[in-house]
């Protein structure tokens, strides 16, 4: 849940363009996978015919399995990069780090594949006299089996360029500012505004208690908690007390006279 007091972040253009480039790379990867799987039977037939009578006869199945596994890995990379691009658009810092890691590994795979293809084409010789099939003949027949408008090396190179550009854009200063964790901003309360209460139905803001460390003054005399002072002289309470004392004195004086009279 987003903080209502936290201003929304604006996604910079470099992050958006980076995500589009990643989408372009993923689309090219999926296209290569589709083309590779649709021509898998033709590729197997070509290798079977070229390997016939050589030491590699019967190993065309290994080539087919290798192509299928590579296609599956490329598809997983494409799906993963799309998910990471969507998370990058939302400003997820972990997604940007994973994008760099996965994208770097994907670039390594593409680079190795292009290098191997280029080296194989450069070292291929048209020699069918030995026990090995001619690599040049295999490449020629594979090119004939594929559509004339489809160039696997071209799509791989375009995907690699798009991915490199996407990773660089994610490292630019505007992207760094976007992926930086936002600082919590404090806003003073507005007088008269209604703020949501605390969980459990408590007050939204704590009531200021008395200052700690200072003793509270006791109630003044006469208030509950202090003994009442006696009534001053001349009040009804004192008169009744005097009358009682006088009566006691008179009864005491009458006592000896009555006893002497008797």
Protein backbone atom coordinates (compact mmCIF):
# COMPACT_ATOMS: atom_id res chain seq x y z
CA UNK A 1 0.00 0.00 0.00
CA UNK A 2 1.46 3.35 -1.04
CA UNK A 3 1.92 6.17 1.39
CA UNK A 4 -0.66 8.91 0.70
CA UNK A 5 1.79 11.52 2.01
CA UNK A 6 4.61 10.30 -0.27
CA UNK A 7 4.69 12.01 -3.69
CA UNK A 8 4.49 9.68 -6.68
CA UNK A 9 7.72 9.10 -8.57
CA UNK A 10 7.86 10.01 -12.25
CA UNK A 11 9.48 7.35 -14.43
CA UNK A 12 12.27 8.86 -16.55
CA UNK A 13 12.39 8.32 -20.28
CA UNK A 14 15.60 6.27 -20.14
CA UNK A 15 13.86 3.58 -18.09
CA UNK A 16 10.90 3.47 -20.48
CA UNK A 17 13.15 3.24 -23.55
CA UNK A 18 15.19 0.53 -21.83
CA UNK A 19 12.06 -1.54 -21.28
CA UNK A 20 11.04 -1.13 -24.93
CA UNK A 21 14.48 -2.31 -26.05
CA UNK A 22 14.18 -5.34 -23.79
CA UNK A 23 10.77 -6.08 -25.32
CA UNK A 24 12.36 -5.85 -28.76
CA UNK A 25 15.12 -8.26 -27.74
CA UNK A 26 12.56 -10.70 -26.33
CA UNK A 27 10.47 -10.52 -29.51
CA UNK A 28 13.49 -11.34 -31.67
CA UNK A 29 14.38 -14.25 -29.36
CA UNK A 30 10.87 -15.69 -29.58
CA UNK A 31 10.93 -15.27 -33.35
CA UNK A 32 14.21 -17.21 -33.56
CA UNK A 33 12.76 -19.96 -31.36
CA UNK A 34 9.69 -20.28 -33.57
CA UNK A 35 11.74 -20.45 -36.75
CA UNK A 36 14.13 -22.98 -35.24
CA UNK A 37 11.38 -25.30 -34.03
CA UNK A 38 9.41 -25.16 -37.29
CA UNK A 39 12.46 -26.22 -39.29
CA UNK A 40 13.70 -28.80 -36.78
CA UNK A 41 12.60 -31.75 -38.92
CA UNK A 42 14.33 -30.36 -41.98
CA UNK A 43 17.54 -29.79 -40.01
CA UNK A 44 17.49 -33.36 -38.74
CA UNK A 45 17.05 -34.71 -42.28
CA UNK A 46 19.92 -32.60 -43.62
CA UNK A 47 22.32 -33.79 -40.91
CA UNK A 48 21.23 -37.40 -41.41
CA UNK A 49 22.04 -37.24 -45.10
CA UNK A 50 25.33 -35.40 -44.57
CA UNK A 51 26.47 -37.72 -41.77
CA UNK A 52 25.66 -40.89 -43.73
CA UNK A 53 28.79 -42.97 -44.36
CA UNK A 54 30.93 -40.91 -41.96
CA UNK A 55 32.10 -41.37 -38.41
CA UNK A 56 29.29 -39.03 -37.28
CA UNK A 57 26.55 -41.23 -38.77
CA UNK A 58 23.63 -41.56 -36.35
CA UNK A 59 24.57 -38.48 -34.34
CA UNK A 60 22.02 -36.22 -36.01
CA UNK A 61 19.78 -36.79 -33.01
CA UNK A 62 22.33 -35.04 -30.80
CA UNK A 63 22.18 -32.00 -33.07
CA UNK A 64 18.39 -31.91 -32.91
CA UNK A 65 18.35 -32.19 -29.11
CA UNK A 66 20.95 -29.42 -28.87
CA UNK A 67 18.87 -27.11 -31.05
CA UNK A 68 15.73 -27.85 -29.04
CA UNK A 69 17.44 -27.18 -25.70
CA UNK A 70 18.95 -23.94 -26.94
CA UNK A 71 15.54 -22.83 -28.20
CA UNK A 72 13.98 -23.55 -24.81
CA UNK A 73 16.70 -21.64 -22.98
CA UNK A 74 16.26 -18.66 -25.32
CA UNK A 75 12.52 -18.70 -24.68
CA UNK A 76 13.03 -18.72 -20.90
CA UNK A 77 15.47 -15.83 -21.17
CA UNK A 78 12.98 -13.85 -23.25
CA UNK A 79 10.12 -14.37 -20.78
CA UNK A 80 12.36 -13.54 -17.83
CA UNK A 81 13.60 -10.33 -19.43
CA UNK A 82 10.04 -9.20 -20.14
CA UNK A 83 9.08 -9.70 -16.50
CA UNK A 84 12.17 -7.79 -15.37
CA UNK A 85 11.37 -4.93 -17.75
CA UNK A 86 7.88 -4.61 -16.28
CA UNK A 87 9.32 -4.52 -12.77
CA UNK A 88 11.87 -1.92 -13.85
CA UNK A 89 9.03 0.30 -14.99
CA UNK A 90 7.69 0.17 -11.44
CA UNK A 91 11.01 1.25 -9.95
CA UNK A 92 12.02 -2.06 -8.34
CA UNK A 93 15.69 -1.81 -7.41
CA UNK A 94 16.23 -5.58 -7.17
CA UNK A 95 14.76 -6.03 -10.66
CA UNK A 96 17.34 -3.65 -12.14
CA UNK A 97 20.19 -5.59 -10.53
CA UNK A 98 18.80 -8.91 -11.79
CA UNK A 99 18.34 -7.37 -15.24
CA UNK A 100 22.03 -6.53 -15.38
CA UNK A 101 22.99 -10.05 -14.29
CA UNK A 102 20.63 -11.96 -16.59
CA UNK A 103 21.19 -9.58 -19.49
CA UNK A 104 24.96 -9.90 -19.17
CA UNK A 105 24.71 -13.68 -19.21
CA UNK A 106 22.41 -13.57 -22.25
CA UNK A 107 24.89 -11.34 -24.05
CA UNK A 108 27.66 -13.83 -23.34
CA UNK A 109 25.58 -16.64 -24.82
CA UNK A 110 24.74 -14.63 -27.93
CA UNK A 111 28.36 -13.58 -28.35
CA UNK A 112 29.62 -17.15 -28.11
CA UNK A 113 27.00 -18.34 -30.60
CA UNK A 114 27.92 -15.64 -33.13
CA UNK A 115 31.61 -16.30 -32.68
CA UNK A 116 31.21 -20.04 -33.20
CA UNK A 117 29.09 -19.51 -36.31
CA UNK A 118 31.55 -17.03 -37.76
CA UNK A 119 34.53 -19.26 -37.00
CA UNK A 120 32.80 -22.28 -38.53
CA UNK A 121 32.04 -20.38 -41.71
CA UNK A 122 35.60 -19.09 -41.94
CA UNK A 123 37.23 -22.48 -41.44
CA UNK A 124 34.82 -24.52 -43.52
CA UNK A 125 36.35 -26.18 -46.57
CA UNK A 126 34.61 -27.94 -49.36
CA UNK A 127 36.08 -31.38 -48.76
CA UNK A 128 33.87 -34.45 -48.76
CA UNK A 129 36.64 -37.04 -49.30
CA UNK A 130 37.28 -37.78 -45.62
CA UNK A 131 35.25 -39.42 -42.92
CA UNK A 132 33.68 -36.08 -41.88
CA UNK A 133 30.84 -34.27 -43.57
CA UNK A 134 31.54 -30.99 -45.28
CA UNK A 135 30.57 -28.09 -42.97
CA UNK A 136 30.20 -25.80 -45.95
CA UNK A 137 27.71 -28.15 -47.58
CA UNK A 138 25.73 -28.42 -44.36
CA UNK A 139 25.56 -24.63 -44.00
CA UNK A 140 24.48 -24.29 -47.61
CA UNK A 141 21.68 -26.81 -47.27
CA UNK A 142 20.50 -25.29 -43.99
CA UNK A 143 20.34 -21.87 -45.64
CA UNK A 144 18.27 -23.33 -48.46
CA UNK A 145 15.88 -24.98 -45.99
CA UNK A 146 15.18 -21.71 -44.20
CA UNK A 147 13.15 -18.86 -45.75
CA UNK A 148 15.24 -16.54 -47.88
CA UNK A 149 14.24 -13.49 -45.82
CA UNK A 150 15.33 -15.06 -42.53
CA UNK A 151 18.89 -14.48 -41.33
CA UNK A 152 19.54 -16.04 -37.88
CA UNK A 153 22.81 -14.18 -37.35
CA UNK A 154 21.20 -10.86 -38.21
CA UNK A 155 18.37 -11.28 -35.70
CA UNK A 156 20.83 -12.41 -33.03
CA UNK A 157 23.04 -9.38 -33.66
CA UNK A 158 20.09 -6.97 -33.52
CA UNK A 159 18.89 -8.53 -30.27
CA UNK A 160 22.35 -8.23 -28.73
CA UNK A 161 22.62 -4.55 -29.70
CA UNK A 162 19.18 -3.79 -28.24
CA UNK A 163 20.04 -5.56 -25.00
CA UNK A 164 23.36 -3.73 -24.62
CA UNK A 165 21.62 -0.39 -25.11
CA UNK A 166 18.93 -1.32 -22.56
CA UNK A 167 21.48 -2.23 -19.90
CA UNK A 168 23.40 1.01 -20.47
CA UNK A 169 20.24 3.12 -20.16
CA UNK A 170 19.48 1.53 -16.80
CA UNK A 171 22.85 2.78 -15.50
CA UNK A 172 22.37 6.45 -16.41
CA UNK A 173 21.93 9.08 -13.63
CA UNK A 174 18.17 9.63 -14.23
CA UNK A 175 17.62 5.90 -13.80
CA UNK A 176 19.73 5.89 -10.62
CA UNK A 177 17.57 8.65 -9.16
CA UNK A 178 14.40 6.77 -10.07
CA UNK A 179 15.52 3.50 -8.50
CA UNK A 180 16.84 5.16 -5.34
CA UNK A 181 14.75 4.46 -2.25
CA UNK A 182 12.56 7.52 -1.55
CA UNK A 183 13.09 9.33 1.72
CA UNK A 184 10.18 9.62 4.11
CA UNK A 185 8.94 13.20 4.14
CA UNK A 186 7.30 14.68 7.23
CA UNK A 187 4.44 17.10 6.84
CA UNK A 188 3.18 19.23 9.74
CA UNK A 189 -0.45 18.69 10.74
CA UNK A 190 -2.95 21.12 9.29
CA UNK A 191 -5.12 22.87 11.90
CA UNK A 192 -8.71 21.70 11.72
CA UNK A 193 -7.89 18.70 9.52
CA UNK A 194 -9.24 15.26 10.40
CA UNK A 195 -6.57 12.57 10.59
CA UNK A 196 -7.17 8.82 10.70
CA UNK A 197 -7.17 7.32 14.15
CA UNK A 198 -4.62 4.88 15.45
CA UNK A 199 -5.26 1.12 15.21
CA UNK A 200 -7.59 -0.13 17.91
CA UNK A 201 -9.68 3.02 18.06
CA UNK A 202 -7.10 5.09 19.94
CA UNK A 203 -6.57 8.79 19.36
CA UNK A 204 -4.85 9.86 16.18
CA UNK A 205 -2.27 11.89 18.11
CA UNK A 206 -1.22 11.27 21.73
CA UNK A 207 -2.39 13.69 24.36
CA UNK A 208 0.45 15.69 25.83
CA UNK A 209 0.93 14.46 29.42
CA UNK A 210 2.26 16.55 32.26
CA UNK A 211 5.89 17.45 32.20
CA UNK A 212 7.90 14.59 33.68
CA UNK A 213 10.30 15.24 36.49
CA UNK A 214 8.28 17.96 38.21
CA UNK A 215 6.15 17.13 41.31
CA UNK A 216 2.52 18.09 41.07
CA UNK A 217 1.34 20.66 43.63
CA UNK A 218 -1.07 19.26 46.24
CA UNK A 219 -4.57 20.64 46.84
CA UNK A 220 -4.86 23.74 49.09
CA UNK A 221 -5.90 23.40 52.74
CA UNK A 222 -9.54 22.60 53.20
CA UNK A 223 -9.67 20.40 50.20
CA UNK A 224 -10.11 16.62 50.47
CA UNK A 225 -7.01 14.88 51.66
CA UNK A 226 -6.11 17.44 54.37
CA UNK A 227 -7.35 17.44 58.04
CA UNK A 228 -10.01 20.02 58.87
CA UNK A 229 -9.02 22.75 61.28
CA UNK A 230 -11.20 23.25 64.42
CA UNK A 231 -13.78 26.08 64.47
CA UNK A 232 -12.53 29.44 65.74
CA UNK A 233 -13.69 30.73 69.15
CA UNK A 234 -17.11 32.29 69.26
CA UNK A 235 -18.65 29.96 66.79
CA UNK A 236 -21.58 27.68 67.62
CA UNK A 237 -19.31 24.74 68.00
CA UNK A 238 -17.25 26.52 70.66
CA UNK A 239 -20.35 27.75 72.59
CA UNK A 240 -21.78 24.33 72.93
CA UNK A 241 -18.43 23.15 74.15
CA UNK A 242 -18.34 25.95 76.79
CA UNK A 243 -21.87 25.12 77.99
CA UNK A 244 -20.93 21.53 78.46
CA UNK A 245 -17.83 22.55 80.39
CA UNK A 246 -19.91 24.95 82.58
CA UNK A 247 -22.46 22.28 83.36
CA UNK A 248 -19.79 19.93 84.41
CA UNK A 249 -18.29 22.58 86.70
CA UNK A 250 -21.70 23.39 88.30
CA UNK A 251 -22.46 19.79 88.98
CA UNK A 252 -19.08 19.50 90.58
CA UNK A 253 -19.73 22.50 92.87
CA UNK A 254 -23.17 21.27 93.86
CA UNK A 255 -21.80 17.99 94.90
CA UNK A 256 -19.78 19.05 97.97
CA UNK A 257 -22.50 21.47 99.19
CA UNK A 258 -25.14 18.83 99.06
CA UNK A 259 -22.98 16.43 100.91
CA UNK A 260 -22.20 19.00 103.70
CA UNK A 261 -25.88 19.92 104.03
CA UNK A 262 -26.82 16.41 104.56
